[in-house]
């Protein structure tokens, strides 16, 4: 079924979100954030804890991986922006990683991170509520609020953040932007190292910038384990889960955010394999969105196989 045809069916997930909340953090996320081992009876290949990740390690050679990706991209008509960062050594590389591409729904990552930051600082409360205003907040596409929200309805910041990430609700995102202030959000994104931030008011970005925002999510989780783990868990349990995790083993936790508009498919996140890493893939000039996400899934598998071969240094 085409991605656009699935949107209406997938919005029923709101009922599940309200009745059966996701568990607070997978084992991989809990181990990474807390730095503590969690025993489990049937264990997939071991995940390093955050304490292990920050230990100095010899930097692997990622030249062969970059060359393999370039060979895969050779001859393709679309434009690809790729950013990679090994979380053990800190080694990073990019392919067209400063190419401006529409962020689509990946823009929701820095927005929700900004909200989490303000909440951790005590500047907002999670139970603060925002009133829906259809004349400024309405947007179709992904999400349930386009069908459920009525003028005057009030939603907590926690609900809006959860909906923005887990089901990519566009109205929830627009309500957060209105509440937080687009200019303040832009300032926050620039403070994280963002270089392409709302040019002419448009949600453009680059693979490199998205990599900075994903790293900031991990930094936030290190500084604020409880809300950070919750944010990572939301990112690891989205409705749209076909890009970065599409060809990876099912036991591998991937905390990520997909996004698409006509001609653009994006996915950005962190893969908690045996050697965790950040991977951001943005593609513009695609004719078929499903094929675009299939391309992202294959790129992700190339990176995962290489990274697993590297080992733990």
C-alpha atoms as a PDB file:
ATOM      1  CA  UNK A   1       0.000   0.000   0.000  1.00  0.00           C
ATOM      2  CA  UNK A   2       1.385   3.424  -0.926  1.00  0.00           C
ATOM      3  CA  UNK A   3       2.600   5.518   2.001  1.00  0.00           C
ATOM      4  CA  UNK A   4       0.071   8.291   1.375  1.00  0.00           C
ATOM      5  CA  UNK A   5      -2.776   5.752   1.366  1.00  0.00           C
ATOM      6  CA  UNK A   6      -1.754   4.417   4.773  1.00  0.00           C
ATOM      7  CA  UNK A   7      -2.000   7.690   6.657  1.00  0.00           C
ATOM      8  CA  UNK A   8      -5.701   7.544   7.497  1.00  0.00           C
ATOM      9  CA  UNK A   9      -5.504   3.927   8.626  1.00  0.00           C
ATOM     10  CA  UNK A  10      -2.499   4.578  10.810  1.00  0.00           C
ATOM     11  CA  UNK A  11      -4.106   7.400  12.735  1.00  0.00           C
ATOM     12  CA  UNK A  12      -6.023   4.858  14.800  1.00  0.00           C
ATOM     13  CA  UNK A  13      -2.748   4.531  16.690  1.00  0.00           C
ATOM     14  CA  UNK A  14      -3.821   7.513  18.778  1.00  0.00           C
ATOM     15  CA  UNK A  15      -6.279   5.241  20.564  1.00  0.00           C
ATOM     16  CA  UNK A  16      -3.445   2.876  21.411  1.00  0.00           C
ATOM     17  CA  UNK A  17      -1.267   5.750  22.565  1.00  0.00           C
ATOM     18  CA  UNK A  18      -3.963   6.917  24.949  1.00  0.00           C
ATOM     19  CA  UNK A  19      -4.941   3.476  26.263  1.00  0.00           C
ATOM     20  CA  UNK A  20      -1.718   1.450  26.181  1.00  0.00           C
ATOM     21  CA  UNK A  21       1.358   3.689  26.544  1.00  0.00           C
ATOM     22  CA  UNK A  22       4.680   2.495  25.212  1.00  0.00           C
ATOM     23  CA  UNK A  23       7.129   1.036  27.752  1.00  0.00           C
ATOM     24  CA  UNK A  24       9.469   3.645  29.172  1.00  0.00           C
ATOM     25  CA  UNK A  25      12.562   2.823  27.184  1.00  0.00           C
ATOM     26  CA  UNK A  26      13.805  -0.291  25.463  1.00  0.00           C
ATOM     27  CA  UNK A  27      16.686  -2.187  27.018  1.00  0.00           C
ATOM     28  CA  UNK A  28      19.126  -0.714  24.513  1.00  0.00           C
ATOM     29  CA  UNK A  29      18.056   2.839  25.294  1.00  0.00           C
ATOM     30  CA  UNK A  30      18.042   2.227  29.045  1.00  0.00           C
ATOM     31  CA  UNK A  31      21.547   0.793  28.954  1.00  0.00           C
ATOM     32  CA  UNK A  32      22.876   3.627  26.806  1.00  0.00           C
ATOM     33  CA  UNK A  33      21.291   6.413  28.841  1.00  0.00           C
ATOM     34  CA  UNK A  34      21.899   5.083  32.357  1.00  0.00           C
ATOM     35  CA  UNK A  35      25.245   3.436  31.698  1.00  0.00           C
ATOM     36  CA  UNK A  36      24.040   0.349  33.544  1.00  0.00           C
ATOM     37  CA  UNK A  37      23.738  -3.219  32.320  1.00  0.00           C
ATOM     38  CA  UNK A  38      20.258  -4.747  32.288  1.00  0.00           C
ATOM     39  CA  UNK A  39      20.080  -8.508  32.593  1.00  0.00           C
ATOM     40  CA  UNK A  40      17.798 -10.328  30.184  1.00  0.00           C
ATOM     41  CA  UNK A  41      17.082 -13.993  29.691  1.00  0.00           C
ATOM     42  CA  UNK A  42      17.111 -14.081  25.899  1.00  0.00           C
ATOM     43  CA  UNK A  43      19.599 -11.454  24.828  1.00  0.00           C
ATOM     44  CA  UNK A  44      20.454 -10.307  21.279  1.00  0.00           C
ATOM     45  CA  UNK A  45      24.030  -9.218  20.584  1.00  0.00           C
ATOM     46  CA  UNK A  46      25.131  -6.988  23.445  1.00  0.00           C
ATOM     47  CA  UNK A  47      24.609  -3.233  23.356  1.00  0.00           C
ATOM     48  CA  UNK A  48      27.309  -1.047  24.900  1.00  0.00           C
ATOM     49  CA  UNK A  49      26.211   1.193  27.734  1.00  0.00           C
ATOM     50  CA  UNK A  50      26.820   4.922  27.583  1.00  0.00           C
ATOM     51  CA  UNK A  51      29.661   4.514  30.053  1.00  0.00           C
ATOM     52  CA  UNK A  52      31.338   2.129  27.630  1.00  0.00           C
ATOM     53  CA  UNK A  53      30.640   4.331  24.642  1.00  0.00           C
ATOM     54  CA  UNK A  54      32.417   7.365  26.042  1.00  0.00           C
ATOM     55  CA  UNK A  55      35.623   5.460  26.741  1.00  0.00           C
ATOM     56  CA  UNK A  56      38.502   6.384  24.396  1.00  0.00           C
ATOM     57  CA  UNK A  57      38.769   4.051  21.454  1.00  0.00           C
ATOM     58  CA  UNK A  58      40.908   3.774  18.363  1.00  0.00           C
ATOM     59  CA  UNK A  59      39.087   5.395  15.467  1.00  0.00           C
ATOM     60  CA  UNK A  60      38.202   2.901  12.741  1.00  0.00           C
ATOM     61  CA  UNK A  61      38.895   3.661   9.094  1.00  0.00           C
ATOM     62  CA  UNK A  62      35.610   4.652   7.468  1.00  0.00           C
ATOM     63  CA  UNK A  63      37.098   5.370   4.056  1.00  0.00           C
ATOM     64  CA  UNK A  64      35.949   1.974   2.685  1.00  0.00           C
ATOM     65  CA  UNK A  65      32.396   2.584   3.950  1.00  0.00           C
ATOM     66  CA  UNK A  66      32.232   6.017   2.347  1.00  0.00           C
ATOM     67  CA  UNK A  67      33.557   4.585  -0.917  1.00  0.00           C
ATOM     68  CA  UNK A  68      30.979   1.772  -0.830  1.00  0.00           C
ATOM     69  CA  UNK A  69      28.204   4.303  -0.359  1.00  0.00           C
ATOM     70  CA  UNK A  70      29.521   6.410  -3.229  1.00  0.00           C
ATOM     71  CA  UNK A  71      29.508   3.345  -5.478  1.00  0.00           C
ATOM     72  CA  UNK A  72      25.922   2.608  -4.489  1.00  0.00           C
ATOM     73  CA  UNK A  73      24.868   6.190  -5.254  1.00  0.00           C
ATOM     74  CA  UNK A  74      26.731   6.366  -8.559  1.00  0.00           C
ATOM     75  CA  UNK A  75      24.344   6.940 -11.435  1.00  0.00           C
ATOM     76  CA  UNK A  76      21.280   7.642  -9.290  1.00  0.00           C
ATOM     77  CA  UNK A  77      19.268  10.658 -10.401  1.00  0.00           C
ATOM     78  CA  UNK A  78      18.120  11.820  -6.971  1.00  0.00           C
ATOM     79  CA  UNK A  79      20.262  13.979  -4.686  1.00  0.00           C
ATOM     80  CA  UNK A  80      21.415  12.258  -1.495  1.00  0.00           C
ATOM     81  CA  UNK A  81      22.654  13.905   1.687  1.00  0.00           C
ATOM     82  CA  UNK A  82      24.256  11.475   4.150  1.00  0.00           C
ATOM     83  CA  UNK A  83      25.824  12.059   7.558  1.00  0.00           C
ATOM     84  CA  UNK A  84      27.412   9.363   9.742  1.00  0.00           C
ATOM     85  CA  UNK A  85      28.963   9.504  13.217  1.00  0.00           C
ATOM     86  CA  UNK A  86      30.462   6.633  15.200  1.00  0.00           C
ATOM     87  CA  UNK A  87      29.462   7.235  18.824  1.00  0.00           C
ATOM     88  CA  UNK A  88      32.451   5.419  20.295  1.00  0.00           C
ATOM     89  CA  UNK A  89      35.313   7.198  18.547  1.00  0.00           C
ATOM     90  CA  UNK A  90      33.437  10.312  17.459  1.00  0.00           C
ATOM     91  CA  UNK A  91      34.568   9.767  13.873  1.00  0.00           C
ATOM     92  CA  UNK A  92      32.182  11.318  11.354  1.00  0.00           C
ATOM     93  CA  UNK A  93      31.907  11.725   7.613  1.00  0.00           C
ATOM     94  CA  UNK A  94      29.413  13.028   5.115  1.00  0.00           C
ATOM     95  CA  UNK A  95      28.342  12.784   1.507  1.00  0.00           C
ATOM     96  CA  UNK A  96      26.674  15.990   0.334  1.00  0.00           C
ATOM     97  CA  UNK A  97      25.980  16.486   4.025  1.00  0.00           C
ATOM     98  CA  UNK A  98      25.702  20.270   3.662  1.00  0.00           C
ATOM     99  CA  UNK A  99      23.250  20.081   0.735  1.00  0.00           C
ATOM    100  CA  UNK A 100      20.030  21.944   1.688  1.00  0.00           C
ATOM    101  CA  UNK A 101      17.022  19.624   1.488  1.00  0.00           C
ATOM    102  CA  UNK A 102      13.507  20.131   2.803  1.00  0.00           C
ATOM    103  CA  UNK A 103      13.392  18.768   6.335  1.00  0.00           C
ATOM    104  CA  UNK A 104       9.791  17.537   6.086  1.00  0.00           C
ATOM    105  CA  UNK A 105       8.831  15.948   9.422  1.00  0.00           C
ATOM    106  CA  UNK A 106      12.415  15.499  10.617  1.00  0.00           C
ATOM    107  CA  UNK A 107      12.134  19.146  11.711  1.00  0.00           C
ATOM    108  CA  UNK A 108      10.027  17.857  14.590  1.00  0.00           C
ATOM    109  CA  UNK A 109      13.151  16.456  16.277  1.00  0.00           C
ATOM    110  CA  UNK A 110      14.778  19.790  17.230  1.00  0.00           C
ATOM    111  CA  UNK A 111      11.382  21.308  18.060  1.00  0.00           C
ATOM    112  CA  UNK A 112      10.495  18.547  20.536  1.00  0.00           C
ATOM    113  CA  UNK A 113      14.059  18.580  21.889  1.00  0.00           C
ATOM    114  CA  UNK A 114      13.702  22.322  22.560  1.00  0.00           C
ATOM    115  CA  UNK A 115      10.478  21.651  24.438  1.00  0.00           C
ATOM    116  CA  UNK A 116      12.205  18.945  26.496  1.00  0.00           C
ATOM    117  CA  UNK A 117      15.047  21.336  27.269  1.00  0.00           C
ATOM    118  CA  UNK A 118      12.669  24.020  28.501  1.00  0.00           C
ATOM    119  CA  UNK A 119      10.811  21.463  30.631  1.00  0.00           C
ATOM    120  CA  UNK A 120      14.082  20.213  32.152  1.00  0.00           C
ATOM    121  CA  UNK A 121      14.963  23.829  32.996  1.00  0.00           C
ATOM    122  CA  UNK A 122      11.607  24.315  34.686  1.00  0.00           C
ATOM    123  CA  UNK A 123      10.527  26.982  32.187  1.00  0.00           C
ATOM    124  CA  UNK A 124       7.462  25.002  31.074  1.00  0.00           C
ATOM    125  CA  UNK A 125       5.468  22.175  32.597  1.00  0.00           C
ATOM    126  CA  UNK A 126       4.452  19.040  30.742  1.00  0.00           C
ATOM    127  CA  UNK A 127       0.844  19.506  31.812  1.00  0.00           C
ATOM    128  CA  UNK A 128       0.696  23.061  30.443  1.00  0.00           C
ATOM    129  CA  UNK A 129      -1.976  23.142  27.765  1.00  0.00           C
ATOM    130  CA  UNK A 130      -2.226  24.719  24.327  1.00  0.00           C
ATOM    131  CA  UNK A 131      -5.566  25.669  22.776  1.00  0.00           C
ATOM    132  CA  UNK A 132      -6.205  24.525  19.212  1.00  0.00           C
ATOM    133  CA  UNK A 133      -6.825  27.345  16.710  1.00  0.00           C
ATOM    134  CA  UNK A 134      -7.803  25.911  13.351  1.00  0.00           C
ATOM    135  CA  UNK A 135      -7.050  29.075  11.393  1.00  0.00           C
ATOM    136  CA  UNK A 136      -3.347  28.860  12.247  1.00  0.00           C
ATOM    137  CA  UNK A 137      -2.805  25.269  13.405  1.00  0.00           C
ATOM    138  CA  UNK A 138      -4.599  23.144  10.828  1.00  0.00           C
ATOM    139  CA  UNK A 139      -2.549  21.045   8.420  1.00  0.00           C
ATOM    140  CA  UNK A 140      -3.488  17.831   6.651  1.00  0.00           C
ATOM    141  CA  UNK A 141      -1.215  14.891   5.976  1.00  0.00           C
ATOM    142  CA  UNK A 142       0.016  12.871   8.928  1.00  0.00           C
ATOM    143  CA  UNK A 143      -1.694  12.695  12.289  1.00  0.00           C
ATOM    144  CA  UNK A 144      -5.011  12.279  14.085  1.00  0.00           C
ATOM    145  CA  UNK A 145      -5.727  15.831  15.235  1.00  0.00           C
ATOM    146  CA  UNK A 146      -6.816  16.861  11.723  1.00  0.00           C
ATOM    147  CA  UNK A 147      -9.840  14.642  12.340  1.00  0.00           C
ATOM    148  CA  UNK A 148     -10.257  15.011  16.117  1.00  0.00           C
ATOM    149  CA  UNK A 149      -9.351  18.589  17.065  1.00  0.00           C
ATOM    150  CA  UNK A 150     -11.994  21.283  17.341  1.00  0.00           C
ATOM    151  CA  UNK A 151     -11.469  24.976  18.036  1.00  0.00           C
ATOM    152  CA  UNK A 152     -11.081  25.484  21.756  1.00  0.00           C
ATOM    153  CA  UNK A 153      -9.775  21.977  22.475  1.00  0.00           C
ATOM    154  CA  UNK A 154      -6.765  22.069  24.784  1.00  0.00           C
ATOM    155  CA  UNK A 155      -3.863  19.619  24.661  1.00  0.00           C
ATOM    156  CA  UNK A 156      -1.003  19.166  27.105  1.00  0.00           C
ATOM    157  CA  UNK A 157       2.564  19.729  25.966  1.00  0.00           C
ATOM    158  CA  UNK A 158       3.291  16.077  26.708  1.00  0.00           C
ATOM    159  CA  UNK A 159       0.537  14.894  24.369  1.00  0.00           C
ATOM    160  CA  UNK A 160       1.609  17.297  21.631  1.00  0.00           C
ATOM    161  CA  UNK A 161       5.241  16.180  21.911  1.00  0.00           C
ATOM    162  CA  UNK A 162       4.286  12.503  21.850  1.00  0.00           C
ATOM    163  CA  UNK A 163       1.999  12.912  18.842  1.00  0.00           C
ATOM    164  CA  UNK A 164       4.582  14.973  16.968  1.00  0.00           C
ATOM    165  CA  UNK A 165       7.160  12.203  17.279  1.00  0.00           C
ATOM    166  CA  UNK A 166       5.290   8.900  17.356  1.00  0.00           C
ATOM    167  CA  UNK A 167       2.667   9.539  14.671  1.00  0.00           C
ATOM    168  CA  UNK A 168       4.248  12.658  13.157  1.00  0.00           C
ATOM    169  CA  UNK A 169       1.122  14.695  13.790  1.00  0.00           C
ATOM    170  CA  UNK A 170       1.385  17.914  11.794  1.00  0.00           C
ATOM    171  CA  UNK A 171      -1.160  19.846  13.833  1.00  0.00           C
ATOM    172  CA  UNK A 172       0.558  18.908  17.099  1.00  0.00           C
ATOM    173  CA  UNK A 173       3.818  20.180  15.600  1.00  0.00           C
ATOM    174  CA  UNK A 174       2.259  23.459  14.468  1.00  0.00           C
ATOM    175  CA  UNK A 175       0.730  24.005  17.903  1.00  0.00           C
ATOM    176  CA  UNK A 176       4.132  23.475  19.517  1.00  0.00           C
ATOM    177  CA  UNK A 177       5.807  25.892  17.117  1.00  0.00           C
ATOM    178  CA  UNK A 178       3.179  28.532  17.881  1.00  0.00           C
ATOM    179  CA  UNK A 179       3.549  27.963  21.621  1.00  0.00           C
ATOM    180  CA  UNK A 180       7.355  27.914  21.657  1.00  0.00           C
ATOM    181  CA  UNK A 181       7.938  30.600  19.036  1.00  0.00           C
ATOM    182  CA  UNK A 182       9.574  29.905  15.681  1.00  0.00           C
ATOM    183  CA  UNK A 183      12.299  32.481  16.242  1.00  0.00           C
ATOM    184  CA  UNK A 184      13.272  30.972  19.593  1.00  0.00           C
ATOM    185  CA  UNK A 185      13.262  27.495  18.058  1.00  0.00           C
ATOM    186  CA  UNK A 186      15.577  28.746  15.311  1.00  0.00           C
ATOM    187  CA  UNK A 187      17.928  30.257  17.880  1.00  0.00           C
ATOM    188  CA  UNK A 188      18.019  26.936  19.726  1.00  0.00           C
ATOM    189  CA  UNK A 189      18.787  25.036  16.524  1.00  0.00           C
ATOM    190  CA  UNK A 190      21.612  27.450  15.692  1.00  0.00           C
ATOM    191  CA  UNK A 191      23.021  26.978  19.201  1.00  0.00           C
ATOM    192  CA  UNK A 192      23.268  23.242  18.476  1.00  0.00           C
ATOM    193  CA  UNK A 193      25.318  23.898  15.356  1.00  0.00           C
ATOM    194  CA  UNK A 194      22.562  24.146  12.761  1.00  0.00           C
ATOM    195  CA  UNK A 195      23.690  25.994   9.649  1.00  0.00           C
ATOM    196  CA  UNK A 196      20.538  25.891   7.491  1.00  0.00           C
ATOM    197  CA  UNK A 197      17.739  26.996   9.811  1.00  0.00           C
ATOM    198  CA  UNK A 198      14.381  28.116   8.405  1.00  0.00           C
ATOM    199  CA  UNK A 199      15.773  30.105   5.444  1.00  0.00           C
ATOM    200  CA  UNK A 200      12.983  32.437   4.296  1.00  0.00           C
ATOM    201  CA  UNK A 201      10.820  30.698   6.872  1.00  0.00           C
ATOM    202  CA  UNK A 202      11.025  27.328   5.104  1.00  0.00           C
ATOM    203  CA  UNK A 203      11.908  24.142   7.024  1.00  0.00           C
ATOM    204  CA  UNK A 204      15.080  23.372   5.099  1.00  0.00           C
ATOM    205  CA  UNK A 205      17.969  21.447   6.649  1.00  0.00           C
ATOM    206  CA  UNK A 206      21.028  19.349   5.831  1.00  0.00           C
ATOM    207  CA  UNK A 207      22.136  15.854   6.786  1.00  0.00           C
ATOM    208  CA  UNK A 208      24.941  17.404   8.843  1.00  0.00           C
ATOM    209  CA  UNK A 209      22.553  19.672  10.741  1.00  0.00           C
ATOM    210  CA  UNK A 210      20.213  16.783  11.493  1.00  0.00           C
ATOM    211  CA  UNK A 211      23.208  14.858  12.800  1.00  0.00           C
ATOM    212  CA  UNK A 212      23.883  17.718  15.212  1.00  0.00           C
ATOM    213  CA  UNK A 213      20.298  17.586  16.458  1.00  0.00           C
ATOM    214  CA  UNK A 214      20.387  13.827  16.978  1.00  0.00           C
ATOM    215  CA  UNK A 215      23.638  14.184  18.906  1.00  0.00           C
ATOM    216  CA  UNK A 216      21.939  16.869  20.997  1.00  0.00           C
ATOM    217  CA  UNK A 217      19.142  14.409  21.823  1.00  0.00           C
ATOM    218  CA  UNK A 218      21.769  11.967  23.118  1.00  0.00           C
ATOM    219  CA  UNK A 219      23.510  14.738  25.062  1.00  0.00           C
ATOM    220  CA  UNK A 220      20.180  15.720  26.598  1.00  0.00           C
ATOM    221  CA  UNK A 221      19.530  12.097  27.591  1.00  0.00           C
ATOM    222  CA  UNK A 222      22.917  11.959  29.293  1.00  0.00           C
ATOM    223  CA  UNK A 223      22.195  15.121  31.271  1.00  0.00           C
ATOM    224  CA  UNK A 224      18.536  14.332  31.974  1.00  0.00           C
ATOM    225  CA  UNK A 225      18.139  10.531  31.937  1.00  0.00           C
ATOM    226  CA  UNK A 226      14.414  10.247  32.670  1.00  0.00           C
ATOM    227  CA  UNK A 227      12.994  12.693  30.087  1.00  0.00           C
ATOM    228  CA  UNK A 228      15.823  11.846  27.699  1.00  0.00           C
ATOM    229  CA  UNK A 229      15.015   8.162  27.847  1.00  0.00           C
ATOM    230  CA  UNK A 230      11.340   8.946  27.272  1.00  0.00           C
ATOM    231  CA  UNK A 231      12.183  11.045  24.204  1.00  0.00           C
ATOM    232  CA  UNK A 232      14.416   8.321  22.795  1.00  0.00           C
ATOM    233  CA  UNK A 233      11.698   5.765  23.461  1.00  0.00           C
ATOM    234  CA  UNK A 234       9.179   7.868  21.536  1.00  0.00           C
ATOM    235  CA  UNK A 235      11.657   8.056  18.659  1.00  0.00           C
ATOM    236  CA  UNK A 236      12.159   4.288  18.817  1.00  0.00           C
ATOM    237  CA  UNK A 237       8.408   3.551  18.652  1.00  0.00           C
ATOM    238  CA  UNK A 238       7.000   5.523  15.712  1.00  0.00           C
ATOM    239  CA  UNK A 239       4.251   4.544  13.323  1.00  0.00           C
ATOM    240  CA  UNK A 240       6.570   5.090  10.361  1.00  0.00           C
ATOM    241  CA  UNK A 241       9.387   2.567  10.828  1.00  0.00           C
ATOM    242  CA  UNK A 242      10.559   1.596   7.343  1.00  0.00           C
ATOM    243  CA  UNK A 243      13.576   3.819   6.634  1.00  0.00           C
ATOM    244  CA  UNK A 244      16.673   3.354   8.796  1.00  0.00           C
ATOM    245  CA  UNK A 245      15.377   0.164  10.488  1.00  0.00           C
ATOM    246  CA  UNK A 246      13.830  -1.254   7.309  1.00  0.00           C
ATOM    247  CA  UNK A 247      16.475  -3.902   6.557  1.00  0.00           C
ATOM    248  CA  UNK A 248      18.071  -4.211  10.001  1.00  0.00           C
ATOM    249  CA  UNK A 249      17.578  -7.163  12.380  1.00  0.00           C
ATOM    250  CA  UNK A 250      14.355  -6.694  14.374  1.00  0.00           C
ATOM    251  CA  UNK A 251      16.187  -6.761  17.722  1.00  0.00           C
ATOM    252  CA  UNK A 252      18.182  -3.618  16.850  1.00  0.00           C
ATOM    253  CA  UNK A 253      16.709  -0.508  18.457  1.00  0.00           C
ATOM    254  CA  UNK A 254      16.584   2.493  16.127  1.00  0.00           C
ATOM    255  CA  UNK A 255      15.490   5.836  17.579  1.00  0.00           C
ATOM    256  CA  UNK A 256      14.652   7.889  14.512  1.00  0.00           C
ATOM    257  CA  UNK A 257      12.314  10.299  12.747  1.00  0.00           C
ATOM    258  CA  UNK A 258      11.121   9.874   9.198  1.00  0.00           C
ATOM    259  CA  UNK A 259       9.760  12.652   7.042  1.00  0.00           C
ATOM    260  CA  UNK A 260       8.496  13.082   3.515  1.00  0.00           C
ATOM    261  CA  UNK A 261       6.914  15.563   1.191  1.00  0.00           C
ATOM    262  CA  UNK A 262       6.478  15.297  -2.561  1.00  0.00           C
ATOM    263  CA  UNK A 263       9.885  14.424  -4.032  1.00  0.00           C
ATOM    264  CA  UNK A 264      11.640  14.162  -0.643  1.00  0.00           C
ATOM    265  CA  UNK A 265      12.225  11.235   1.737  1.00  0.00           C
ATOM    266  CA  UNK A 266      14.259  11.612   4.927  1.00  0.00           C
ATOM    267  CA  UNK A 267      15.175   9.558   7.966  1.00  0.00           C
ATOM    268  CA  UNK A 268      17.487  10.602  10.785  1.00  0.00           C
ATOM    269  CA  UNK A 269      18.392   8.883  14.023  1.00  0.00           C
ATOM    270  CA  UNK A 270      20.663   6.715  16.101  1.00  0.00           C
ATOM    271  CA  UNK A 271      21.145   2.970  15.623  1.00  0.00           C
ATOM    272  CA  UNK A 272      21.834   1.107  18.876  1.00  0.00           C
ATOM    273  CA  UNK A 273      23.792  -1.750  17.367  1.00  0.00           C
ATOM    274  CA  UNK A 274      26.804  -3.358  19.021  1.00  0.00           C
ATOM    275  CA  UNK A 275      28.640  -0.129  18.125  1.00  0.00           C
ATOM    276  CA  UNK A 276      26.052   2.724  18.202  1.00  0.00           C
ATOM    277  CA  UNK A 277      26.099   5.391  15.533  1.00  0.00           C
ATOM    278  CA  UNK A 278      24.157   8.316  14.153  1.00  0.00           C
ATOM    279  CA  UNK A 279      22.923   8.108  10.580  1.00  0.00           C
ATOM    280  CA  UNK A 280      20.997  10.777   8.681  1.00  0.00           C
ATOM    281  CA  UNK A 281      19.847  10.225   5.098  1.00  0.00           C
ATOM    282  CA  UNK A 282      18.013  12.939   3.177  1.00  0.00           C
ATOM    283  CA  UNK A 283      16.936  12.420  -0.440  1.00  0.00           C
ATOM    284  CA  UNK A 284      15.407  14.929  -2.843  1.00  0.00           C
ATOM    285  CA  UNK A 285      14.275  14.349  -6.390  1.00  0.00           C
ATOM    286  CA  UNK A 286      12.543  11.005  -5.781  1.00  0.00           C
ATOM    287  CA  UNK A 287       9.556  10.060  -7.934  1.00  0.00           C
ATOM    288  CA  UNK A 288       8.129   7.457  -5.556  1.00  0.00           C
ATOM    289  CA  UNK A 289       8.164   7.925  -1.777  1.00  0.00           C
ATOM    290  CA  UNK A 290       8.054   4.211  -1.021  1.00  0.00           C
ATOM    291  CA  UNK A 291      11.090   3.682  -3.221  1.00  0.00           C
ATOM    292  CA  UNK A 292      12.807   6.571  -1.496  1.00  0.00           C
ATOM    293  CA  UNK A 293      12.418   4.913   1.887  1.00  0.00           C
ATOM    294  CA  UNK A 294      13.552   1.606   0.396  1.00  0.00           C
ATOM    295  CA  UNK A 295      16.732   3.412  -0.708  1.00  0.00           C
ATOM    296  CA  UNK A 296      17.227   4.745   2.810  1.00  0.00           C
ATOM    297  CA  UNK A 297      16.727   1.238   4.223  1.00  0.00           C
ATOM    298  CA  UNK A 298      19.392  -0.178   1.921  1.00  0.00           C
ATOM    299  CA  UNK A 299      21.868   2.603   2.712  1.00  0.00           C
ATOM    300  CA  UNK A 300      21.209   1.945   6.386  1.00  0.00           C
ATOM    301  CA  UNK A 301      21.935  -1.779   5.919  1.00  0.00           C
ATOM    302  CA  UNK A 302      25.245  -1.002   4.186  1.00  0.00           C
ATOM    303  CA  UNK A 303      26.270   1.183   7.113  1.00  0.00           C
ATOM    304  CA  UNK A 304      25.051  -1.300   9.730  1.00  0.00           C
ATOM    305  CA  UNK A 305      26.936  -4.235   8.184  1.00  0.00           C
ATOM    306  CA  UNK A 306      30.154  -2.244   8.044  1.00  0.00           C
ATOM    307  CA  UNK A 307      29.754  -0.931  11.586  1.00  0.00           C
ATOM    308  CA  UNK A 308      29.083  -4.390  12.984  1.00  0.00           C
ATOM    309  CA  UNK A 309      32.215  -5.593  11.220  1.00  0.00           C
ATOM    310  CA  UNK A 310      34.270  -2.879  12.844  1.00  0.00           C
ATOM    311  CA  UNK A 311      33.455  -4.252  16.292  1.00  0.00           C
ATOM    312  CA  UNK A 312      34.123  -2.400  19.502  1.00  0.00           C
ATOM    313  CA  UNK A 313      37.596  -1.179  18.672  1.00  0.00           C
END
